[in-house]
Amino acid sequence: MSFLLLCFVSLTFCKAFQDLKSSQEISLESSTPSVKAPIINGDTARLEGYIKGYDSSLEFTTGIIYVEDVMEHASFPVVVKVFPDGRFEGKWPLLFPSYTSMKMGNHWIPIYMEPGKTLTMILDKEDFEEGAKRRDSQYQFKHTQFKGPLAQVNSQLQGYKFEQFNYNRLEDQVKSYTPVEFKERQMTLHQKQMERAKAYIDGNDIDPKAASIINNEILTKNAIVLFDFEARRRYLAERDTSASLQNNEVLSKPVSENYYDFLQEMPLDDKALMVSDEFSTFVNRFEFSQPFTSNNPTFHIPLRQPDKDLLLDFLDQKGIELSEMDRKLITISLEDEKTKEDSLFLQAHEDSLQLFAQKHGPILKEFFKRSMKDQQPSKLAYYKAYWSNRDSVLVHQLGLKDSWTYEVTKIRNLEFALDFIGPEEAGEYWESLKAGLNYEELQRKGQEIYDKVVLERESQPYAIEGEGAEIFKEIIAPFKGKVLFVDFWATTCGPCVYTIKKMKGTREQYKNKGDIAFIFITDIKGSPEKKYQVFIDDQELEHSYKLSVDEHNMLRQLFKFNGIPRYVVIDREGKVYDDDFAMHNFNAELPRILAANPSEEGVKTGD
């Protein structure tokens, strides 16, 4: 590859790859529903209640629930507000019934919710104190009461204690057991858990909804363990080069295709499986399991040298005045076979070539983009082959039929695929994919995703509104008229710390330009005081704010993010310009952002 092309590549980042109403009762029977039955419709779910004995000693004023749309592969946090008298309440849009958990203080409390219904809970301060004493975030509360139409299901779920796999022992088991041995042990434990669940269900007149959830929780947990064993085994075999592992006979044993036959016993065509708290993890492990990923087609872009005469003509057409030295540098740089003298000449003038690439970056980008486009294989053909391969693996290797769960994986992948393929061929891809979907709900969801990604690609800045808005507005008030890059981070977050360190030079570059500001927001739990102070001093974070956990929860809900780092761009008017900014593309994106947010004086994007 020519030095000039390398210069261009180094300057360019590759960017790849409601309130709905329904009065219909949603069936959660374990029998397979009709293929065409549109039983998933959204509405608002409401949680309310109070904590007996609540006072400031509990040190929390909010709870938080992570709401997932597993079909769209998306999630967002919902804050449950706790009032001074101990009352609490929260509401959120919910597409389908969900068995999930609320985190309040340091404790996880399981709850079952349905769209259009209200769950009332009575909690007790004693349980929070006992859980804290035991240092057990999963401590099963003893005094919880449920009221309302969902009370019976929640009470019955609370009465059943699920067994958890000890992941601390997984790596030792990977090194000690062959896949056949581990699976045999795990399936024996699984069978005992299913028998215990059956005894609980049969002996306590359990509601069919609760029974379905209990069974599906056990099924999905078991599948996740088996997937994780294989994945960890593969990781160690491929990446750990220590002699002890390289000579480990257990790791040399292959995984047979029938290792995955546990999937044949799962109700993959039952939409009720999606209600399980573990479904999101299960479907992730399923779609990225070895039988599928090992059969993915390759997408290889062969980079050929651009034609030097075409480039010189292109630069002439653009009115770029080239000196004789410029022409010589371009010509030699793009030669397929270089002499020793050519290489020495390029080394001697490396700075000049780099300067030329920086000065004419946008025009070179346009030329190389055109040149490389002709070399690219069809992205549409790649994704058609991708699903053709997976369809074959599903039937011929896994021995499974098409199902609700398998088609959910196609919708979960849709947004990424559309973005990768591009708007020109996105419509053809979606129509091809939609033709193979047997569920009306998935067709509707896919159409929503297509409309969002392709038809509504250019989003407009929006005002900051909702609970938590005042907290955020107070933070950004001193920076009125500036373009703000807001970083939600923590000292305990490795990627957060890495990016902040990497951006130190960039922050320094724009420190005195007046038009841009970098703001950092964390919370007291994620950033312990001593490490926090040392880090912000070392990184010279001028505008850093450390909030309480409750305040931080409100901002997570406001911007709908669960994980960090999360980057948000605020325009000069105080509106949200981008609520999920790719900070690694800062240098490439800044000119576009500033062009969309001009100021009277303007700002230079680099010296």
Foldseek 3Di string as FASTA:
>chain_A
DFPLVVLLPVVDDDDFLDAWDDPDDADLFPDFDDLADPRWAKHKKKEKEFEPPDACVLVFQWKKWWADDLLQRAIFIWIWGADHVGIIMTMDMDRAWAFGWIGDRLATHTDTIGHPFYKYKYHYPVQSVVCVVVVHNDDQGDPMAIDGPCRQLGVLLSVDDDDADDPVCLVVCLLPAALVRVLVVLVVVLVVQVVVLVCSCVVPVHDSLSSSQSNLQSLLNSLLSSLVSVVVLVCCCPPPPDPVSVPRVRSVDDDALCSLLSVVVDPQQHPSSVNHNRLSVSLVSVCPGDLQVVQQDDWDQDDAQDDLVVVVVLCVVVVNDDDPVRSVLSVLSRDPDHDPVSVVVCVVCVVVSSVVCVVCNVSVVVVVVVVSVVRGDQLLVSVVSSVVRVQCCQCPRNVHDDHPSVLSVVSNCLLSSDRNNDQVCSVVSLVVSLVPRSYPVSNVSSVVSCCVVHVVVQDDWAAQDDFLSVVVCVLCVVLAQAKEKEWEDAPQDPVSLVLLVVCLVVCVQCVPQSRYAYAYEYECVRYPDVNNVVSCVVSVRPHYYYHHPNSVSRVSNSLGDDDDGAIWIAANRRTTNGRGDDVVCCLVCVVVRCVVRDDPVGGDSGD
